[in-house]
Amino acid sequence: MSYNRIDVKEVRKIDYQPFIDAMKLALEENNDILMKAMRSDMQEFREEMRSDMQEFKEEMRSDMQEFKEEMRSDMQEFKEEMRSDMQEFKEEMRSDMQEFKEELRSDMKEFKGEIHQRIDVLNNNMDQRFKEVVVSLKKIEENNDYLQSKFIEHDKEIYRLQKRVGM
């Protein structure tokens, strides 16, 4: 293989300035083209972002509107269910209260009957006791009358004995 030898002295003699100027010009043109392309891309990106943001806003508004409507509908259903449940609860409570009142009335009647029965038993016992006391008082009265008559007899006897003895 043979290599072409470059003479360094000749290379030094070459004027690079036009080449450098051409390169600078090409770079500037390339930079201008790139900048224009970047500006154009940025403008497109902005427009796409605006468009996307607008679509997003509209979707969000639409979704929020749907959500609001769903919530209103759900709240309405919830209110109706609560009204229905409250009505059922009221009816159950009325029924339970009526049942409780009837049981209470029945228990009160039963209790009243028991009390009257006990009062009758107590009344009969008191009547029996009173009769026993009356009989006992009559016996005491008879014994008292007997003892008074005996006292009078003994008093008379003591008086006679005192007369005999001379007192």
N, C-alpha and C. Protein backbone atom coordinates (compact mmCIF):
# COMPACT_ATOMS: atom_id res chain seq x y z
N MET A 1 0.83 -1.16 0.00
CA MET A 1 0.00 0.00 0.00
C MET A 1 0.88 1.24 0.00
N SER A 2 0.41 2.10 -0.75
CA SER A 2 1.22 3.31 -0.81
C SER A 2 0.40 4.46 -0.29
N TYR A 3 1.01 5.23 0.47
CA TYR A 3 0.35 6.39 1.07
C TYR A 3 0.84 7.63 0.34
N ASN A 4 -0.10 8.52 0.09
CA ASN A 4 0.30 9.80 -0.46
C ASN A 4 0.83 10.63 0.68
N ARG A 5 1.94 11.06 0.44
CA ARG A 5 2.53 11.84 1.48
C ARG A 5 2.07 13.26 1.35
N ILE A 6 1.67 13.83 2.49
CA ILE A 6 1.23 15.21 2.51
C ILE A 6 2.41 16.04 3.00
N ASP A 7 2.54 17.02 2.23
CA ASP A 7 3.64 17.90 2.61
C ASP A 7 3.07 18.92 3.59
N VAL A 8 3.65 18.96 4.75
CA VAL A 8 3.17 19.81 5.82
C VAL A 8 3.34 21.27 5.44
N LYS A 9 4.33 21.59 4.75
CA LYS A 9 4.58 22.97 4.37
C LYS A 9 3.49 23.45 3.45
N GLU A 10 3.04 22.58 2.57
CA GLU A 10 1.97 22.96 1.65
C GLU A 10 0.66 23.11 2.40
N VAL A 11 0.43 22.28 3.41
CA VAL A 11 -0.80 22.34 4.19
C VAL A 11 -0.86 23.65 4.94
N ARG A 12 0.24 24.11 5.35
CA ARG A 12 0.28 25.34 6.10
C ARG A 12 0.00 26.53 5.20
N LYS A 13 0.24 26.37 3.97
CA LYS A 13 0.06 27.45 3.05
C LYS A 13 -1.40 27.60 2.65
N ILE A 14 -2.21 26.59 2.84
CA ILE A 14 -3.60 26.62 2.40
C ILE A 14 -4.34 27.61 3.30
N ASP A 15 -5.17 28.40 2.66
CA ASP A 15 -5.96 29.38 3.41
C ASP A 15 -7.27 28.72 3.84
N TYR A 16 -7.43 28.57 5.15
CA TYR A 16 -8.62 27.91 5.70
C TYR A 16 -9.76 28.88 5.95
N GLN A 17 -9.51 30.14 5.86
CA GLN A 17 -10.52 31.12 6.21
C GLN A 17 -11.78 30.99 5.37
N PRO A 18 -11.74 30.82 4.05
CA PRO A 18 -12.99 30.66 3.31
C PRO A 18 -13.75 29.41 3.75
N PHE A 19 -13.00 28.36 4.06
CA PHE A 19 -13.62 27.12 4.53
C PHE A 19 -14.30 27.38 5.88
N ILE A 20 -13.60 28.05 6.76
CA ILE A 20 -14.15 28.37 8.08
C ILE A 20 -15.38 29.26 7.92
N ASP A 21 -15.29 30.26 7.03
CA ASP A 21 -16.42 31.15 6.82
C ASP A 21 -17.61 30.39 6.26
N ALA A 22 -17.32 29.46 5.33
CA ALA A 22 -18.40 28.65 4.75
C ALA A 22 -19.03 27.77 5.82
N MET A 23 -18.19 27.25 6.69
CA MET A 23 -18.70 26.40 7.76
C MET A 23 -19.55 27.22 8.74
N LYS A 24 -19.09 28.42 9.06
CA LYS A 24 -19.84 29.30 9.95
C LYS A 24 -21.19 29.63 9.33
N LEU A 25 -21.17 29.95 8.03
CA LEU A 25 -22.39 30.29 7.33
C LEU A 25 -23.34 29.09 7.32
N ALA A 26 -22.79 27.92 7.05
CA ALA A 26 -23.61 26.70 7.05
C ALA A 26 -24.18 26.45 8.44
N LEU A 27 -23.35 26.65 9.46
CA LEU A 27 -23.83 26.44 10.83
C LEU A 27 -24.92 27.45 11.18
N GLU A 28 -24.74 28.72 10.79
CA GLU A 28 -25.74 29.74 11.06
C GLU A 28 -27.05 29.41 10.35
N GLU A 29 -26.92 29.02 9.07
CA GLU A 29 -28.12 28.63 8.31
C GLU A 29 -28.79 27.42 8.96
N ASN A 30 -27.94 26.46 9.33
CA ASN A 30 -28.47 25.25 9.99
C ASN A 30 -29.14 25.63 11.31
N ASN A 31 -28.52 26.56 12.08
CA ASN A 31 -29.11 27.02 13.33
C ASN A 31 -30.44 27.72 13.07
N ASP A 32 -30.48 28.58 12.02
CA ASP A 32 -31.73 29.27 11.68
C ASP A 32 -32.80 28.26 11.32
N ILE A 33 -32.44 27.27 10.52
CA ILE A 33 -33.41 26.25 10.13
C ILE A 33 -33.89 25.49 11.37
N LEU A 34 -32.94 25.12 12.22
CA LEU A 34 -33.30 24.40 13.46
C LEU A 34 -34.19 25.26 14.36
N MET A 35 -33.81 26.55 14.48
CA MET A 35 -34.60 27.44 15.33
C MET A 35 -36.01 27.60 14.78
N LYS A 36 -36.11 27.77 13.44
CA LYS A 36 -37.43 27.88 12.83
C LYS A 36 -38.22 26.60 13.06
N ALA A 37 -37.53 25.47 12.88
CA ALA A 37 -38.20 24.18 13.10
C ALA A 37 -38.63 24.05 14.56
N MET A 38 -37.73 24.46 15.49
CA MET A 38 -38.07 24.38 16.91
C MET A 38 -39.23 25.30 17.23
N ARG A 39 -39.22 26.53 16.66
CA ARG A 39 -40.31 27.46 16.90
C ARG A 39 -41.62 26.89 16.36
N SER A 40 -41.50 26.35 15.16
CA SER A 40 -42.69 25.75 14.55
C SER A 40 -43.18 24.58 15.40
N ASP A 41 -42.23 23.72 15.84
CA ASP A 41 -42.61 22.58 16.69
C ASP A 41 -43.20 23.07 18.02
N MET A 42 -42.59 24.12 18.58
CA MET A 42 -43.11 24.66 19.84
C MET A 42 -44.50 25.22 19.64
N GLN A 43 -44.70 25.92 18.52
CA GLN A 43 -46.02 26.47 18.22
C GLN A 43 -47.03 25.35 18.07
N GLU A 44 -46.66 24.30 17.35
CA GLU A 44 -47.56 23.14 17.19
C GLU A 44 -47.83 22.50 18.54
N PHE A 45 -46.74 22.37 19.35
CA PHE A 45 -46.89 21.77 20.67
C PHE A 45 -47.86 22.60 21.52
N ARG A 46 -47.69 23.94 21.49
CA ARG A 46 -48.58 24.82 22.24
C ARG A 46 -50.02 24.65 21.78
N GLU A 47 -50.20 24.65 20.46
CA GLU A 47 -51.55 24.51 19.93
C GLU A 47 -52.14 23.15 20.31
N GLU A 48 -51.32 22.11 20.21
CA GLU A 48 -51.79 20.77 20.61
C GLU A 48 -52.13 20.77 22.10
N MET A 49 -51.27 21.40 22.92
CA MET A 49 -51.52 21.46 24.36
C MET A 49 -52.79 22.25 24.65
N ARG A 50 -52.97 23.40 23.94
CA ARG A 50 -54.20 24.17 24.13
C ARG A 50 -55.41 23.34 23.76
N SER A 51 -55.28 22.67 22.61
CA SER A 51 -56.39 21.84 22.14
C SER A 51 -56.65 20.70 23.15
N ASP A 52 -55.56 20.04 23.59
CA ASP A 52 -55.71 18.95 24.56
C ASP A 52 -56.28 19.47 25.88
N MET A 53 -55.81 20.64 26.31
CA MET A 53 -56.32 21.21 27.55
C MET A 53 -57.80 21.56 27.40
N GLN A 54 -58.15 22.11 26.23
CA GLN A 54 -59.55 22.45 25.99
C GLN A 54 -60.41 21.18 26.02
N GLU A 55 -59.91 20.14 25.33
CA GLU A 55 -60.63 18.86 25.34
C GLU A 55 -60.73 18.32 26.75
N PHE A 56 -59.61 18.41 27.49
CA PHE A 56 -59.59 17.92 28.87
C PHE A 56 -60.60 18.69 29.72
N LYS A 57 -60.62 20.03 29.57
CA LYS A 57 -61.58 20.84 30.31
C LYS A 57 -63.00 20.44 29.98
N GLU A 58 -63.27 20.27 28.69
CA GLU A 58 -64.62 19.89 28.27
C GLU A 58 -64.98 18.51 28.81
N GLU A 59 -64.02 17.57 28.74
CA GLU A 59 -64.27 16.23 29.29
C GLU A 59 -64.52 16.31 30.79
N MET A 60 -63.69 17.13 31.47
CA MET A 60 -63.86 17.27 32.92
C MET A 60 -65.21 17.91 33.24
N ARG A 61 -65.61 18.94 32.47
CA ARG A 61 -66.91 19.55 32.70
C ARG A 61 -68.01 18.53 32.48
N SER A 62 -67.86 17.79 31.38
CA SER A 62 -68.87 16.76 31.08
C SER A 62 -68.90 15.70 32.19
N ASP A 63 -67.71 15.25 32.59
CA ASP A 63 -67.64 14.24 33.67
C ASP A 63 -68.21 14.80 34.97
N MET A 64 -67.88 16.06 35.28
CA MET A 64 -68.41 16.66 36.50
C MET A 64 -69.93 16.79 36.42
N GLN A 65 -70.42 17.17 35.25
CA GLN A 65 -71.87 17.28 35.08
C GLN A 65 -72.53 15.91 35.28
N GLU A 66 -71.92 14.87 34.67
CA GLU A 66 -72.45 13.51 34.85
C GLU A 66 -72.39 13.11 36.32
N PHE A 67 -71.25 13.44 36.96
CA PHE A 67 -71.09 13.10 38.37
C PHE A 67 -72.16 13.80 39.21
N LYS A 68 -72.38 15.10 38.93
CA LYS A 68 -73.40 15.84 39.67
C LYS A 68 -74.77 15.20 39.47
N GLU A 69 -75.08 14.86 38.23
CA GLU A 69 -76.38 14.25 37.95
C GLU A 69 -76.50 12.90 38.65
N GLU A 70 -75.42 12.11 38.61
CA GLU A 70 -75.44 10.81 39.31
C GLU A 70 -75.62 11.02 40.80
N MET A 71 -74.90 12.01 41.35
CA MET A 71 -75.02 12.28 42.78
C MET A 71 -76.43 12.74 43.13
N ARG A 72 -77.01 13.60 42.30
CA ARG A 72 -78.39 14.05 42.56
C ARG A 72 -79.34 12.86 42.52
N SER A 73 -79.12 12.02 41.50
CA SER A 73 -79.98 10.85 41.37
C SER A 73 -79.79 9.92 42.58
N ASP A 74 -78.53 9.68 42.95
CA ASP A 74 -78.25 8.82 44.10
C ASP A 74 -78.82 9.42 45.38
N MET A 75 -78.67 10.73 45.53
CA MET A 75 -79.22 11.38 46.73
C MET A 75 -80.74 11.29 46.75
N GLN A 76 -81.34 11.45 45.60
CA GLN A 76 -82.80 11.33 45.52
C GLN A 76 -83.23 9.92 45.90
N GLU A 77 -82.53 8.92 45.35
CA GLU A 77 -82.83 7.52 45.70
C GLU A 77 -82.63 7.30 47.19
N PHE A 78 -81.52 7.85 47.72
CA PHE A 78 -81.23 7.69 49.14
C PHE A 78 -82.35 8.32 49.99
N LYS A 79 -82.78 9.53 49.60
CA LYS A 79 -83.87 10.19 50.34
C LYS A 79 -85.14 9.34 50.30
N GLU A 80 -85.45 8.83 49.12
CA GLU A 80 -86.67 8.01 49.00
C GLU A 80 -86.54 6.74 49.83
N GLU A 81 -85.36 6.11 49.79
CA GLU A 81 -85.16 4.92 50.61
C GLU A 81 -85.28 5.25 52.10
N MET A 82 -84.69 6.39 52.49
CA MET A 82 -84.76 6.78 53.90
C MET A 82 -86.21 7.08 54.31
N ARG A 83 -86.95 7.75 53.44
CA ARG A 83 -88.36 8.02 53.74
C ARG A 83 -89.12 6.70 53.90
N SER A 84 -88.86 5.80 52.96
CA SER A 84 -89.53 4.50 53.01
C SER A 84 -89.14 3.75 54.29
N ASP A 85 -87.84 3.74 54.58
CA ASP A 85 -87.36 3.07 55.80
C ASP A 85 -87.95 3.71 57.05
N MET A 86 -88.01 5.03 57.06
CA MET A 86 -88.57 5.73 58.22
C MET A 86 -90.06 5.42 58.36
N GLN A 87 -90.76 5.35 57.24
CA GLN A 87 -92.18 5.02 57.29
C GLN A 87 -92.37 3.60 57.85
N GLU A 88 -91.55 2.66 57.35
CA GLU A 88 -91.61 1.28 57.87
C GLU A 88 -91.30 1.27 59.36
N PHE A 89 -90.27 2.04 59.75
CA PHE A 89 -89.89 2.08 61.16
C PHE A 89 -91.03 2.64 62.01
N LYS A 90 -91.67 3.71 61.52
CA LYS A 90 -92.79 4.29 62.26
C LYS A 90 -93.91 3.28 62.41
N GLU A 91 -94.22 2.58 61.32
CA GLU A 91 -95.30 1.59 61.38
C GLU A 91 -94.95 0.46 62.34
N GLU A 92 -93.68 0.01 62.28
CA GLU A 92 -93.25 -1.04 63.22
C GLU A 92 -93.34 -0.55 64.66
N MET A 93 -92.92 0.70 64.89
CA MET A 93 -92.98 1.25 66.24
C MET A 93 -94.43 1.38 66.71
N ARG A 94 -95.32 1.82 65.82
CA ARG A 94 -96.73 1.92 66.20
C ARG A 94 -97.27 0.54 66.55
N SER A 95 -96.94 -0.43 65.71
CA SER A 95 -97.40 -1.80 65.95
C SER A 95 -96.83 -2.32 67.28
N ASP A 96 -95.53 -2.10 67.48
CA ASP A 96 -94.91 -2.55 68.72
C ASP A 96 -95.52 -1.84 69.93
N MET A 97 -95.76 -0.54 69.81
CA MET A 97 -96.36 0.20 70.92
C MET A 97 -97.78 -0.29 71.20
N GLN A 98 -98.53 -0.56 70.14
CA GLN A 98 -99.89 -1.08 70.32
C GLN A 98 -99.83 -2.44 71.02
N GLU A 99 -98.92 -3.28 70.57
CA GLU A 99 -98.75 -4.60 71.18
C GLU A 99 -98.36 -4.44 72.65
N PHE A 100 -97.43 -3.51 72.92
CA PHE A 100 -96.98 -3.28 74.29
C PHE A 100 -98.14 -2.78 75.15
N LYS A 101 -98.95 -1.86 74.61
CA LYS A 101 -100.11 -1.35 75.36
C LYS A 101 -101.07 -2.48 75.69
N GLU A 102 -101.34 -3.34 74.69
CA GLU A 102 -102.27 -4.45 74.92
C GLU A 102 -101.72 -5.40 75.97
N GLU A 103 -100.41 -5.72 75.90
CA GLU A 103 -99.81 -6.59 76.90
C GLU A 103 -99.87 -5.93 78.28
N LEU A 104 -99.60 -4.62 78.32
CA LEU A 104 -99.64 -3.91 79.59
C LEU A 104 -101.05 -3.91 80.16
N ARG A 105 -102.06 -3.67 79.31
CA ARG A 105 -103.45 -3.71 79.78
C ARG A 105 -103.79 -5.09 80.33
N SER A 106 -103.38 -6.12 79.58
CA SER A 106 -103.65 -7.49 80.01
C SER A 106 -102.96 -7.76 81.36
N ASP A 107 -101.69 -7.36 81.46
CA ASP A 107 -100.95 -7.57 82.71
C ASP A 107 -101.60 -6.78 83.85
N MET A 108 -102.06 -5.56 83.56
CA MET A 108 -102.70 -4.74 84.59
C MET A 108 -104.01 -5.38 85.05
N LYS A 109 -104.78 -5.92 84.09
CA LYS A 109 -106.03 -6.60 84.47
C LYS A 109 -105.72 -7.81 85.35
N GLU A 110 -104.72 -8.56 84.95
CA GLU A 110 -104.32 -9.75 85.71
C GLU A 110 -103.86 -9.32 87.11
N PHE A 111 -103.04 -8.28 87.18
CA PHE A 111 -102.54 -7.78 88.45
C PHE A 111 -103.68 -7.26 89.31
N LYS A 112 -104.62 -6.56 88.67
CA LYS A 112 -105.79 -6.05 89.38
C LYS A 112 -106.59 -7.20 89.99
N GLY A 113 -106.78 -8.26 89.18
CA GLY A 113 -107.50 -9.43 89.67
C GLY A 113 -106.79 -10.06 90.87
N GLU A 114 -105.46 -10.18 90.78
CA GLU A 114 -104.69 -10.75 91.88
C GLU A 114 -104.81 -9.87 93.13
N ILE A 115 -104.73 -8.56 92.94
CA ILE A 115 -104.84 -7.65 94.08
C ILE A 115 -106.22 -7.77 94.73
N HIS A 116 -107.28 -7.80 93.90
CA HIS A 116 -108.63 -7.95 94.46
C HIS A 116 -108.76 -9.28 95.20
N GLN A 117 -108.17 -10.31 94.64
CA GLN A 117 -108.22 -11.62 95.28
C GLN A 117 -107.51 -11.56 96.64
N ARG A 118 -106.34 -10.93 96.66
CA ARG A 118 -105.60 -10.84 97.93
C ARG A 118 -106.34 -9.96 98.93
N ILE A 119 -106.95 -8.88 98.43
CA ILE A 119 -107.73 -8.01 99.32
C ILE A 119 -108.90 -8.80 99.91
N ASP A 120 -109.56 -9.61 99.09
CA ASP A 120 -110.66 -10.43 99.60
C ASP A 120 -110.18 -11.41 100.65
N VAL A 121 -109.01 -12.04 100.38
CA VAL A 121 -108.45 -12.98 101.37
C VAL A 121 -108.13 -12.24 102.66
N LEU A 122 -107.47 -11.06 102.53
CA LEU A 122 -107.14 -10.28 103.72
C LEU A 122 -108.42 -9.84 104.45
N ASN A 123 -109.42 -9.44 103.69
CA ASN A 123 -110.69 -9.01 104.27
C ASN A 123 -111.34 -10.16 105.03
N ASN A 124 -111.35 -11.34 104.41
CA ASN A 124 -111.91 -12.52 105.08
C ASN A 124 -111.13 -12.84 106.34
N ASN A 125 -109.78 -12.77 106.24
CA ASN A 125 -108.95 -13.04 107.43
C ASN A 125 -109.23 -12.02 108.53
N MET A 126 -109.37 -10.75 108.13
CA MET A 126 -109.65 -9.70 109.11
C MET A 126 -111.03 -9.92 109.73
N ASP A 127 -112.02 -10.29 108.89
CA ASP A 127 -113.35 -10.57 109.42
C ASP A 127 -113.28 -11.72 110.43
N GLN A 128 -112.55 -12.76 110.08
CA GLN A 128 -112.42 -13.92 110.96
C GLN A 128 -111.75 -13.50 112.27
N ARG A 129 -110.67 -12.73 112.14
CA ARG A 129 -109.97 -12.27 113.35
C ARG A 129 -110.88 -11.38 114.20
N PHE A 130 -111.60 -10.50 113.52
CA PHE A 130 -112.49 -9.61 114.24
C PHE A 130 -113.55 -10.42 114.99
N LYS A 131 -114.10 -11.45 114.32
CA LYS A 131 -115.09 -12.30 114.99
C LYS A 131 -114.47 -13.00 116.18
N GLU A 132 -113.23 -13.47 116.00
CA GLU A 132 -112.54 -14.14 117.11
C GLU A 132 -112.32 -13.15 118.26
N VAL A 133 -111.95 -11.91 117.93
CA VAL A 133 -111.74 -10.90 118.96
C VAL A 133 -113.06 -10.59 119.67
N VAL A 134 -114.16 -10.50 118.90
CA VAL A 134 -115.47 -10.23 119.49
C VAL A 134 -115.85 -11.38 120.45
N VAL A 135 -115.64 -12.62 119.99
CA VAL A 135 -115.94 -13.77 120.86
C VAL A 135 -115.07 -13.70 122.11
N SER A 136 -113.80 -13.39 121.89
CA SER A 136 -112.89 -13.30 123.03
C SER A 136 -113.32 -12.18 123.98
N LEU A 137 -113.74 -11.05 123.45
CA LEU A 137 -114.22 -9.95 124.28
C LEU A 137 -115.47 -10.35 125.06
N LYS A 138 -116.35 -11.10 124.40
CA LYS A 138 -117.56 -11.57 125.11
C LYS A 138 -117.18 -12.48 126.26
N LYS A 139 -116.21 -13.36 126.03
CA LYS A 139 -115.77 -14.26 127.10
C LYS A 139 -115.16 -13.44 128.23
N ILE A 140 -114.34 -12.42 127.84
CA ILE A 140 -113.73 -11.56 128.86
C ILE A 140 -114.83 -10.83 129.62
N GLU A 141 -115.84 -10.36 128.91
CA GLU A 141 -116.96 -9.65 129.54
C GLU A 141 -117.70 -10.58 130.50
N GLU A 142 -117.92 -11.83 130.03
CA GLU A 142 -118.60 -12.80 130.90
C GLU A 142 -117.76 -13.10 132.13
N ASN A 143 -116.43 -13.27 131.88
CA ASN A 143 -115.55 -13.53 133.02
C ASN A 143 -115.52 -12.34 133.97
N ASN A 144 -115.53 -11.15 133.39
CA ASN A 144 -115.56 -9.94 134.21
C ASN A 144 -116.85 -9.88 135.04
N ASP A 145 -117.98 -10.16 134.36
CA ASP A 145 -119.26 -10.16 135.08
C ASP A 145 -119.21 -11.21 136.20
N TYR A 146 -118.68 -12.39 135.87
CA TYR A 146 -118.57 -13.46 136.87
C TYR A 146 -117.69 -13.02 138.03
N LEU A 147 -116.52 -12.43 137.69
CA LEU A 147 -115.60 -12.00 138.74
C LEU A 147 -116.20 -10.87 139.57
N GLN A 148 -116.95 -9.96 138.92
CA GLN A 148 -117.60 -8.88 139.67
C GLN A 148 -118.64 -9.46 140.62
N SER A 149 -119.39 -10.44 140.11
CA SER A 149 -120.40 -11.05 141.00
C SER A 149 -119.70 -11.78 142.15
N LYS A 150 -118.59 -12.46 141.83
CA LYS A 150 -117.85 -13.14 142.90
C LYS A 150 -117.26 -12.12 143.88
N PHE A 151 -116.77 -10.95 143.31
CA PHE A 151 -116.21 -9.92 144.16
C PHE A 151 -117.27 -9.38 145.12
N ILE A 152 -118.48 -9.18 144.56
CA ILE A 152 -119.57 -8.68 145.39
C ILE A 152 -119.90 -9.72 146.46
N GLU A 153 -119.94 -10.99 146.05
CA GLU A 153 -120.23 -12.05 147.02
C GLU A 153 -119.14 -12.09 148.09
N HIS A 154 -117.90 -12.02 147.67
CA HIS A 154 -116.79 -12.06 148.64
C HIS A 154 -116.80 -10.81 149.51
N ASP A 155 -117.14 -9.67 148.90
CA ASP A 155 -117.21 -8.42 149.65
C ASP A 155 -118.29 -8.54 150.74
N LYS A 156 -119.43 -9.14 150.33
CA LYS A 156 -120.51 -9.32 151.31
C LYS A 156 -120.04 -10.28 152.39
N GLU A 157 -119.37 -11.31 151.99
CA GLU A 157 -118.89 -12.31 152.95
C GLU A 157 -117.89 -11.68 153.91
N ILE A 158 -116.98 -10.84 153.36
CA ILE A 158 -116.00 -10.16 154.21
C ILE A 158 -116.73 -9.22 155.17
N TYR A 159 -117.76 -8.53 154.69
CA TYR A 159 -118.52 -7.61 155.53
C TYR A 159 -119.18 -8.38 156.67
N ARG A 160 -119.78 -9.53 156.40
CA ARG A 160 -120.42 -10.35 157.43
C ARG A 160 -119.39 -10.87 158.44
N LEU A 161 -118.26 -11.28 157.87
CA LEU A 161 -117.23 -11.79 158.79
C LEU A 161 -116.69 -10.68 159.68
N GLN A 162 -116.56 -9.50 159.10
CA GLN A 162 -116.06 -8.36 159.90
C GLN A 162 -117.10 -8.02 160.99
N LYS A 163 -118.40 -8.14 160.67
CA LYS A 163 -119.43 -7.86 161.65
C LYS A 163 -119.38 -8.88 162.74
N ARG A 164 -119.19 -10.09 162.43
CA ARG A 164 -119.15 -11.15 163.42
C ARG A 164 -117.95 -10.97 164.31
N VAL A 165 -116.88 -10.62 163.68
CA VAL A 165 -115.65 -10.49 164.46
C VAL A 165 -115.75 -9.16 165.25
N GLY A 166 -116.49 -8.26 164.87
CA GLY A 166 -116.68 -7.02 165.56
C GLY A 166 -115.79 -5.92 165.01
N MET A 167 -115.62 -5.94 164.06
CA MET A 167 -114.81 -4.89 163.48
C MET A 167 -115.61 -3.82 162.89
